[in-house]
Amino acid sequence: MAGLTHFDAEGRARMVDVTDKPVTDRVAVAEGAVRMQAATLELIAAGRAAKGDVIGVARLAGIMGAKRTAELIPLCHPLPLSKVELDLVADAALPGLRITATVRTSGRTGVEMEALTAVATAALTVYDMVKAVDRGMAIEGVRLVLKDGGASGRWEARP
């Protein structure tokens, strides 16, 4: 289990001790998409979904998801988030919505899981709000695209 920080010497799951790590500014950006029928995207863009403002509700759900990540992912540290921003953009070429989450904190550990959870929660909310008209939607490409701060410094995904 060498190199896997969430396991002890005996292979048991553990929460990483970050006590001695310095507090630094940290940021993470994650992305994903919800692929859907073109007619479903048109319904969302026109604001005609039966459950209301799909993009607005999904944005709020993503923010809430980021804030509750430590309750959902067993070994995550609860973090004081200083920023959670979600962008949901209609993409007719997909067709669907592209989702990007940016999360910031000043702390001893990063916010990658919070950014990923924000994207996943927003995507699931989109699905929930329009599943009555398009059960074939697919949540795709949820991934970390940037993290910065802490001892490991900056990391960016390849395009």
C-alpha atoms as a PDB file:
ATOM      1  CA  MET A   1       0.000   0.000   0.000  1.00  0.00           C
ATOM      2  CA  ALA A   2       3.044   2.244  -0.377  1.00  0.00           C
ATOM      3  CA  GLY A   3       2.050   5.702  -1.565  1.00  0.00           C
ATOM      4  CA  LEU A   4      -1.624   5.326  -0.655  1.00  0.00           C
ATOM      5  CA  THR A   5      -2.104   7.810   2.166  1.00  0.00           C
ATOM      6  CA  HIS A   6      -5.537   6.576   3.217  1.00  0.00           C
ATOM      7  CA  PHE A   7      -4.169   3.230   4.437  1.00  0.00           C
ATOM      8  CA  ASP A   8      -1.997   2.495   7.456  1.00  0.00           C
ATOM      9  CA  ALA A   9       0.925   0.012   7.531  1.00  0.00           C
ATOM     10  CA  GLU A  10      -1.525  -2.878   8.038  1.00  0.00           C
ATOM     11  CA  GLY A  11      -3.702  -1.826   5.085  1.00  0.00           C
ATOM     12  CA  ARG A  12      -6.552  -0.430   7.187  1.00  0.00           C
ATOM     13  CA  ALA A  13      -8.409   2.666   6.004  1.00  0.00           C
ATOM     14  CA  ARG A  14      -7.553   5.835   7.905  1.00  0.00           C
ATOM     15  CA  MET A  15      -8.054   9.556   7.748  1.00  0.00           C
ATOM     16  CA  VAL A  16      -4.777  11.262   6.853  1.00  0.00           C
ATOM     17  CA  ASP A  17      -3.246  13.318   9.696  1.00  0.00           C
ATOM     18  CA  VAL A  18      -2.719  16.832   8.326  1.00  0.00           C
ATOM     19  CA  THR A  19      -1.875  18.419  11.674  1.00  0.00           C
ATOM     20  CA  ASP A  20       1.708  19.282  10.742  1.00  0.00           C
ATOM     21  CA  LYS A  21       0.948  20.520   7.225  1.00  0.00           C
ATOM     22  CA  PRO A  22       1.087  24.290   6.733  1.00  0.00           C
ATOM     23  CA  VAL A  23      -2.057  26.256   6.001  1.00  0.00           C
ATOM     24  CA  THR A  24      -1.899  27.418   2.369  1.00  0.00           C
ATOM     25  CA  ASP A  25      -4.306  28.824  -0.182  1.00  0.00           C
ATOM     26  CA  ARG A  26      -5.703  25.990  -2.272  1.00  0.00           C
ATOM     27  CA  VAL A  27      -7.896  25.771  -5.343  1.00  0.00           C
ATOM     28  CA  ALA A  28      -9.362  22.942  -7.395  1.00  0.00           C
ATOM     29  CA  VAL A  29     -11.312  22.968 -10.645  1.00  0.00           C
ATOM     30  CA  ALA A  30     -13.361  20.013 -11.873  1.00  0.00           C
ATOM     31  CA  GLU A  31     -15.510  19.503 -14.937  1.00  0.00           C
ATOM     32  CA  GLY A  32     -18.139  17.189 -16.335  1.00  0.00           C
ATOM     33  CA  ALA A  33     -21.103  17.128 -18.669  1.00  0.00           C
ATOM     34  CA  VAL A  34     -24.652  15.888 -18.966  1.00  0.00           C
ATOM     35  CA  ARG A  35     -25.351  14.616 -22.475  1.00  0.00           C
ATOM     36  CA  MET A  36     -29.015  14.711 -23.471  1.00  0.00           C
ATOM     37  CA  GLN A  37     -31.367  14.923 -26.421  1.00  0.00           C
ATOM     38  CA  ALA A  38     -31.298  18.246 -28.261  1.00  0.00           C
ATOM     39  CA  ALA A  39     -34.985  18.760 -27.401  1.00  0.00           C
ATOM     40  CA  THR A  40     -34.189  18.385 -23.694  1.00  0.00           C
ATOM     41  CA  LEU A  41     -31.441  20.984 -23.921  1.00  0.00           C
ATOM     42  CA  GLU A  42     -33.844  23.335 -25.713  1.00  0.00           C
ATOM     43  CA  LEU A  43     -36.400  22.819 -22.924  1.00  0.00           C
ATOM     44  CA  ILE A  44     -33.785  23.701 -20.278  1.00  0.00           C
ATOM     45  CA  ALA A  45     -32.436  26.704 -22.183  1.00  0.00           C
ATOM     46  CA  ALA A  46     -35.953  28.082 -22.705  1.00  0.00           C
ATOM     47  CA  GLY A  47     -36.758  27.680 -18.997  1.00  0.00           C
ATOM     48  CA  ARG A  48     -39.712  25.404 -19.746  1.00  0.00           C
ATOM     49  CA  ALA A  49     -38.797  22.408 -17.566  1.00  0.00           C
ATOM     50  CA  ALA A  50     -41.722  21.359 -15.372  1.00  0.00           C
ATOM     51  CA  LYS A  51     -39.580  21.470 -12.213  1.00  0.00           C
ATOM     52  CA  GLY A  52     -38.349  25.015 -12.868  1.00  0.00           C
ATOM     53  CA  ASP A  53     -34.958  26.653 -13.448  1.00  0.00           C
ATOM     54  CA  VAL A  54     -32.766  23.599 -14.065  1.00  0.00           C
ATOM     55  CA  ILE A  55     -29.474  25.488 -14.330  1.00  0.00           C
ATOM     56  CA  GLY A  56     -30.128  27.649 -11.267  1.00  0.00           C
ATOM     57  CA  VAL A  57     -31.194  24.734  -9.098  1.00  0.00           C
ATOM     58  CA  ALA A  58     -28.259  22.585 -10.286  1.00  0.00           C
ATOM     59  CA  ARG A  59     -25.839  25.419  -9.476  1.00  0.00           C
ATOM     60  CA  LEU A  60     -27.189  25.634  -5.918  1.00  0.00           C
ATOM     61  CA  ALA A  61     -27.098  21.839  -5.563  1.00  0.00           C
ATOM     62  CA  GLY A  62     -23.445  21.807  -6.660  1.00  0.00           C
ATOM     63  CA  ILE A  63     -22.565  24.434  -4.061  1.00  0.00           C
ATOM     64  CA  MET A  64     -24.382  22.443  -1.384  1.00  0.00           C
ATOM     65  CA  GLY A  65     -22.647  19.247  -2.509  1.00  0.00           C
ATOM     66  CA  ALA A  66     -19.218  20.843  -2.183  1.00  0.00           C
ATOM     67  CA  LYS A  67     -20.064  22.034   1.325  1.00  0.00           C
ATOM     68  CA  ARG A  68     -21.166  18.540   2.396  1.00  0.00           C
ATOM     69  CA  THR A  69     -18.381  16.491   0.812  1.00  0.00           C
ATOM     70  CA  ALA A  70     -16.959  15.328   4.147  1.00  0.00           C
ATOM     71  CA  GLU A  71     -20.375  13.858   5.012  1.00  0.00           C
ATOM     72  CA  LEU A  72     -20.458  11.852   1.772  1.00  0.00           C
ATOM     73  CA  ILE A  73     -16.852  10.716   1.292  1.00  0.00           C
ATOM     74  CA  PRO A  74     -15.776   8.837   4.438  1.00  0.00           C
ATOM     75  CA  LEU A  75     -12.121   9.895   4.707  1.00  0.00           C
ATOM     76  CA  CYS A  76     -12.420  13.538   3.592  1.00  0.00           C
ATOM     77  CA  HIS A  77     -11.620  16.270   6.066  1.00  0.00           C
ATOM     78  CA  PRO A  78     -14.364  18.830   6.708  1.00  0.00           C
ATOM     79  CA  LEU A  79     -13.029  22.085   5.268  1.00  0.00           C
ATOM     80  CA  PRO A  80     -13.978  25.748   5.585  1.00  0.00           C
ATOM     81  CA  LEU A  81     -14.624  26.626   1.950  1.00  0.00           C
ATOM     82  CA  SER A  82     -14.043  30.237   0.971  1.00  0.00           C
ATOM     83  CA  LYS A  83     -15.423  29.927  -2.572  1.00  0.00           C
ATOM     84  CA  VAL A  84     -17.582  27.515  -4.524  1.00  0.00           C
ATOM     85  CA  GLU A  85     -18.470  28.611  -8.045  1.00  0.00           C
ATOM     86  CA  LEU A  86     -20.360  26.543 -10.608  1.00  0.00           C
ATOM     87  CA  ASP A  87     -20.775  27.287 -14.278  1.00  0.00           C
ATOM     88  CA  LEU A  88     -23.329  25.352 -16.305  1.00  0.00           C
ATOM     89  CA  VAL A  89     -23.166  26.110 -20.000  1.00  0.00           C
ATOM     90  CA  ALA A  90     -25.451  24.818 -22.727  1.00  0.00           C
ATOM     91  CA  ASP A  91     -23.533  23.154 -25.559  1.00  0.00           C
ATOM     92  CA  ALA A  92     -25.623  22.336 -28.628  1.00  0.00           C
ATOM     93  CA  ALA A  93     -22.736  20.353 -30.117  1.00  0.00           C
ATOM     94  CA  LEU A  94     -22.818  17.879 -27.192  1.00  0.00           C
ATOM     95  CA  PRO A  95     -25.867  18.265 -26.918  1.00  0.00           C
ATOM     96  CA  GLY A  96     -26.100  18.969 -23.226  1.00  0.00           C
ATOM     97  CA  LEU A  97     -24.711  20.999 -20.366  1.00  0.00           C
ATOM     98  CA  ARG A  98     -21.030  21.411 -19.549  1.00  0.00           C
ATOM     99  CA  ILE A  99     -20.381  21.888 -15.833  1.00  0.00           C
ATOM    100  CA  THR A 100     -17.320  23.452 -14.221  1.00  0.00           C
ATOM    101  CA  ALA A 101     -16.762  23.876 -10.471  1.00  0.00           C
ATOM    102  CA  THR A 102     -14.076  26.006  -8.829  1.00  0.00           C
ATOM    103  CA  VAL A 103     -13.500  25.560  -5.091  1.00  0.00           C
ATOM    104  CA  ARG A 104     -11.119  27.498  -2.827  1.00  0.00           C
ATOM    105  CA  THR A 105      -9.977  27.295   0.764  1.00  0.00           C
ATOM    106  CA  SER A 106      -7.077  28.188   2.999  1.00  0.00           C
ATOM    107  CA  GLY A 107      -6.217  25.030   4.832  1.00  0.00           C
ATOM    108  CA  ARG A 108      -3.989  22.020   5.402  1.00  0.00           C
ATOM    109  CA  THR A 109      -5.487  19.824   2.677  1.00  0.00           C
ATOM    110  CA  GLY A 110      -6.833  20.330  -0.814  1.00  0.00           C
ATOM    111  CA  VAL A 111     -10.317  20.762  -2.194  1.00  0.00           C
ATOM    112  CA  GLU A 112     -10.196  18.346  -5.129  1.00  0.00           C
ATOM    113  CA  MET A 113     -12.944  16.142  -3.703  1.00  0.00           C
ATOM    114  CA  GLU A 114     -15.152  19.167  -3.069  1.00  0.00           C
ATOM    115  CA  ALA A 115     -14.819  20.323  -6.688  1.00  0.00           C
ATOM    116  CA  LEU A 116     -15.561  16.822  -7.997  1.00  0.00           C
ATOM    117  CA  THR A 117     -18.540  16.451  -5.668  1.00  0.00           C
ATOM    118  CA  ALA A 118     -19.883  19.833  -6.792  1.00  0.00           C
ATOM    119  CA  VAL A 119     -19.828  18.760 -10.445  1.00  0.00           C
ATOM    120  CA  ALA A 120     -21.348  15.355  -9.724  1.00  0.00           C
ATOM    121  CA  THR A 121     -24.114  16.824  -7.557  1.00  0.00           C
ATOM    122  CA  ALA A 122     -24.981  19.468 -10.144  1.00  0.00           C
ATOM    123  CA  ALA A 123     -25.066  16.818 -12.895  1.00  0.00           C
ATOM    124  CA  LEU A 124     -27.296  14.521 -10.845  1.00  0.00           C
ATOM    125  CA  THR A 125     -29.632  17.439 -10.161  1.00  0.00           C
ATOM    126  CA  VAL A 126     -29.922  18.181 -13.881  1.00  0.00           C
ATOM    127  CA  TYR A 127     -30.770  14.519 -14.434  1.00  0.00           C
ATOM    128  CA  ASP A 128     -33.376  14.538 -11.674  1.00  0.00           C
ATOM    129  CA  MET A 129     -35.067  17.684 -12.906  1.00  0.00           C
ATOM    130  CA  VAL A 130     -35.605  16.540 -16.511  1.00  0.00           C
ATOM    131  CA  LYS A 131     -35.583  12.749 -16.312  1.00  0.00           C
ATOM    132  CA  ALA A 132     -39.316  12.701 -17.023  1.00  0.00           C
ATOM    133  CA  VAL A 133     -38.602  13.810 -20.593  1.00  0.00           C
ATOM    134  CA  ASP A 134     -35.186  12.185 -21.169  1.00  0.00           C
ATOM    135  CA  ARG A 135     -34.217   9.098 -19.156  1.00  0.00           C
ATOM    136  CA  GLY A 136     -31.342   8.406 -21.564  1.00  0.00           C
ATOM    137  CA  MET A 137     -29.206  11.310 -20.345  1.00  0.00           C
ATOM    138  CA  ALA A 138     -25.593  10.434 -19.516  1.00  0.00           C
ATOM    139  CA  ILE A 139     -23.299  12.039 -16.968  1.00  0.00           C
ATOM    140  CA  GLU A 140     -19.850  12.054 -18.534  1.00  0.00           C
ATOM    141  CA  GLY A 141     -16.275  13.104 -18.064  1.00  0.00           C
ATOM    142  CA  VAL A 142     -16.313  14.099 -14.398  1.00  0.00           C
ATOM    143  CA  ARG A 143     -12.660  14.817 -13.683  1.00  0.00           C
ATOM    144  CA  LEU A 144     -10.239  17.105 -11.937  1.00  0.00           C
ATOM    145  CA  VAL A 145      -8.677  19.608 -14.319  1.00  0.00           C
ATOM    146  CA  LEU A 146      -6.613  21.738 -11.922  1.00  0.00           C
ATOM    147  CA  LYS A 147      -5.374  21.761  -8.361  1.00  0.00           C
ATOM    148  CA  ASP A 148      -3.003  24.255  -6.826  1.00  0.00           C
ATOM    149  CA  GLY A 149      -1.581  24.827  -3.371  1.00  0.00           C
ATOM    150  CA  GLY A 150       0.043  22.724  -0.716  1.00  0.00           C
ATOM    151  CA  ALA A 151       3.310  20.812  -0.845  1.00  0.00           C
ATOM    152  CA  SER A 152       2.624  19.221  -4.229  1.00  0.00           C
ATOM    153  CA  GLY A 153       2.020  22.583  -5.878  1.00  0.00           C
ATOM    154  CA  ARG A 154       0.186  23.005  -9.167  1.00  0.00           C
ATOM    155  CA  TRP A 155      -1.210  20.178 -11.287  1.00  0.00           C
ATOM    156  CA  GLU A 156      -3.194  20.533 -14.519  1.00  0.00           C
ATOM    157  CA  ALA A 157      -4.881  17.836 -16.556  1.00  0.00           C
ATOM    158  CA  ARG A 158      -3.980  17.403 -20.171  1.00  0.00           C
ATOM    159  CA  PRO A 159      -6.698  18.639 -22.545  1.00  0.00           C
END
